[in-house]
């Protein structure tokens, strides 16, 4: 069941950017996990702003492709601590695994084919 609309997904994308930006400070991440978090924040912001959905500014990336990017990112975040050798850093490892699980869950629940819902359930109609 796809319960997350494109608009709600956009809010969650911006929240993800903020979480990646704050994690190094709040969690005290060491150098490599912190650099990765800052880099992921920038990349996630760029993907969000260039996607064809309510919060996209440039609209270069179709929202379905945005979904496929996130389908790759979620599992990659889970693997990062093991690939980059910081799996013994419990806080950093758990942060990346947790974020990976959240991104996978959001991806499963998002309607990537859906149209943004209008406020109050009223759609705007073009007049000629």
Protein backbone atom coordinates (compact mmCIF):
# COMPACT_ATOMS: atom_id res chain seq x y z
CA UNK A 1 0.00 0.00 0.00
CA UNK A 2 1.48 3.32 -1.13
CA UNK A 3 0.53 5.77 1.62
CA UNK A 4 3.19 8.45 1.05
CA UNK A 5 2.28 11.02 -1.60
CA UNK A 6 4.91 12.81 -3.71
CA UNK A 7 4.41 15.98 -1.63
CA UNK A 8 4.87 14.14 1.68
CA UNK A 9 7.91 12.40 0.21
CA UNK A 10 9.38 15.82 -0.52
CA UNK A 11 9.03 16.87 3.11
CA UNK A 12 10.72 13.62 4.14
CA UNK A 13 13.54 14.29 1.66
CA UNK A 14 14.25 17.68 3.24
CA UNK A 15 14.11 16.09 6.70
CA UNK A 16 16.65 13.52 5.50
CA UNK A 17 18.98 16.31 4.36
CA UNK A 18 18.72 17.99 7.77
CA UNK A 19 19.37 14.69 9.58
CA UNK A 20 22.50 14.03 7.51
CA UNK A 21 23.71 17.58 8.18
CA UNK A 22 23.13 17.38 11.95
CA UNK A 23 24.29 13.79 12.55
CA UNK A 24 28.03 14.53 12.68
CA UNK A 25 27.50 17.20 15.34
CA UNK A 26 24.71 15.58 17.36
CA UNK A 27 26.15 12.06 17.27
CA UNK A 28 29.81 13.08 17.32
CA UNK A 29 30.62 11.10 14.18
CA UNK A 30 34.30 10.59 13.46
CA UNK A 31 35.96 11.98 10.35
CA UNK A 32 34.97 9.52 7.59
CA UNK A 33 31.37 8.93 8.74
CA UNK A 34 30.97 12.71 9.14
CA UNK A 35 32.34 13.46 5.67
CA UNK A 36 30.01 10.83 4.21
CA UNK A 37 27.03 12.33 6.07
CA UNK A 38 27.76 15.84 4.80
CA UNK A 39 28.29 14.50 1.27
CA UNK A 40 25.05 12.52 1.39
CA UNK A 41 23.18 15.62 2.57
CA UNK A 42 24.41 17.57 -0.45
CA UNK A 43 23.67 14.74 -2.90
CA UNK A 44 20.21 14.14 -1.42
CA UNK A 45 19.42 17.86 -1.67
CA UNK A 46 20.55 17.98 -5.30
CA UNK A 47 18.45 14.92 -6.20
CA UNK A 48 15.44 16.41 -4.41
CA UNK A 49 15.72 19.80 -6.09
CA UNK A 50 16.23 18.30 -9.55
CA UNK A 51 13.39 15.74 -9.35
CA UNK A 52 10.07 16.14 -11.15
CA UNK A 53 7.79 16.30 -8.12
CA UNK A 54 6.30 19.09 -5.99
CA UNK A 55 9.59 20.22 -4.43
CA UNK A 56 11.73 19.94 -7.54
CA UNK A 57 12.98 23.24 -8.88
CA UNK A 58 14.70 22.10 -12.08
CA UNK A 59 12.67 18.88 -12.66
CA UNK A 60 15.34 16.96 -14.58
CA UNK A 61 14.92 13.59 -12.86
CA UNK A 62 11.57 11.81 -13.31
CA UNK A 63 10.06 10.94 -9.91
CA UNK A 64 10.13 7.25 -10.81
CA UNK A 65 13.92 7.50 -11.32
CA UNK A 66 14.13 9.37 -7.99
CA UNK A 67 12.52 6.25 -6.51
CA UNK A 68 15.07 3.94 -8.14
CA UNK A 69 17.90 6.09 -6.82
CA UNK A 70 16.51 5.68 -3.31
CA UNK A 71 16.09 1.92 -3.86
CA UNK A 72 19.87 1.84 -4.37
CA UNK A 73 20.72 4.32 -1.61
CA UNK A 74 18.89 2.50 1.20
CA UNK A 75 20.83 -0.78 0.96
CA UNK A 76 24.04 1.15 0.21
CA UNK A 77 23.72 3.07 3.49
CA UNK A 78 23.42 -0.22 5.35
CA UNK A 79 26.58 -1.48 3.64
CA UNK A 80 28.67 1.73 4.05
CA UNK A 81 30.05 1.02 7.55
CA UNK A 82 31.29 -2.39 6.41
CA UNK A 83 32.67 -1.19 3.07
CA UNK A 84 34.47 1.82 4.54
CA UNK A 85 35.69 0.06 7.68
CA UNK A 86 33.82 1.85 10.44
CA UNK A 87 31.51 -1.03 11.40
CA UNK A 88 33.16 -1.20 14.83
CA UNK A 89 32.08 2.40 15.53
CA UNK A 90 28.71 1.50 17.04
CA UNK A 91 27.14 4.95 16.80
CA UNK A 92 28.16 5.56 13.17
CA UNK A 93 27.27 2.00 12.12
CA UNK A 94 23.84 2.18 13.75
CA UNK A 95 23.16 5.62 12.26
CA UNK A 96 23.87 4.44 8.72
CA UNK A 97 21.97 1.17 9.15
CA UNK A 98 19.02 3.06 10.66
CA UNK A 99 18.97 5.63 7.86
CA UNK A 100 19.18 2.85 5.29
CA UNK A 101 16.20 1.08 6.83
CA UNK A 102 14.19 4.30 6.96
CA UNK A 103 14.95 5.13 3.31
CA UNK A 104 13.97 1.59 2.28
CA UNK A 105 10.69 1.88 4.22
CA UNK A 106 9.89 5.30 2.75
CA UNK A 107 10.64 3.92 -0.71
CA UNK A 108 8.30 1.00 -0.23
CA UNK A 109 5.51 3.27 1.03
CA UNK A 110 5.87 6.08 -1.55
CA UNK A 111 3.58 6.35 -4.55
CA UNK A 112 6.20 7.22 -7.20
CA UNK A 113 3.49 7.17 -9.89
CA UNK A 114 1.12 9.40 -7.93
CA UNK A 115 0.12 12.93 -8.62
CA UNK A 116 0.51 15.52 -5.88
CA UNK A 117 -2.70 15.99 -3.94
CA UNK A 118 -4.21 19.45 -3.99
CA UNK A 119 -5.01 21.21 -0.72
CA UNK A 120 -8.52 20.57 0.52
CA UNK A 121 -8.99 17.82 -2.06
CA UNK A 122 -9.82 20.38 -4.76
CA UNK A 123 -7.94 20.13 -8.03
CA UNK A 124 -7.09 23.22 -10.00
CA UNK A 125 -8.77 23.29 -13.40
CA UNK A 126 -7.23 25.11 -16.35
CA UNK A 127 -9.51 27.52 -18.14
CA UNK A 128 -8.95 28.72 -21.64
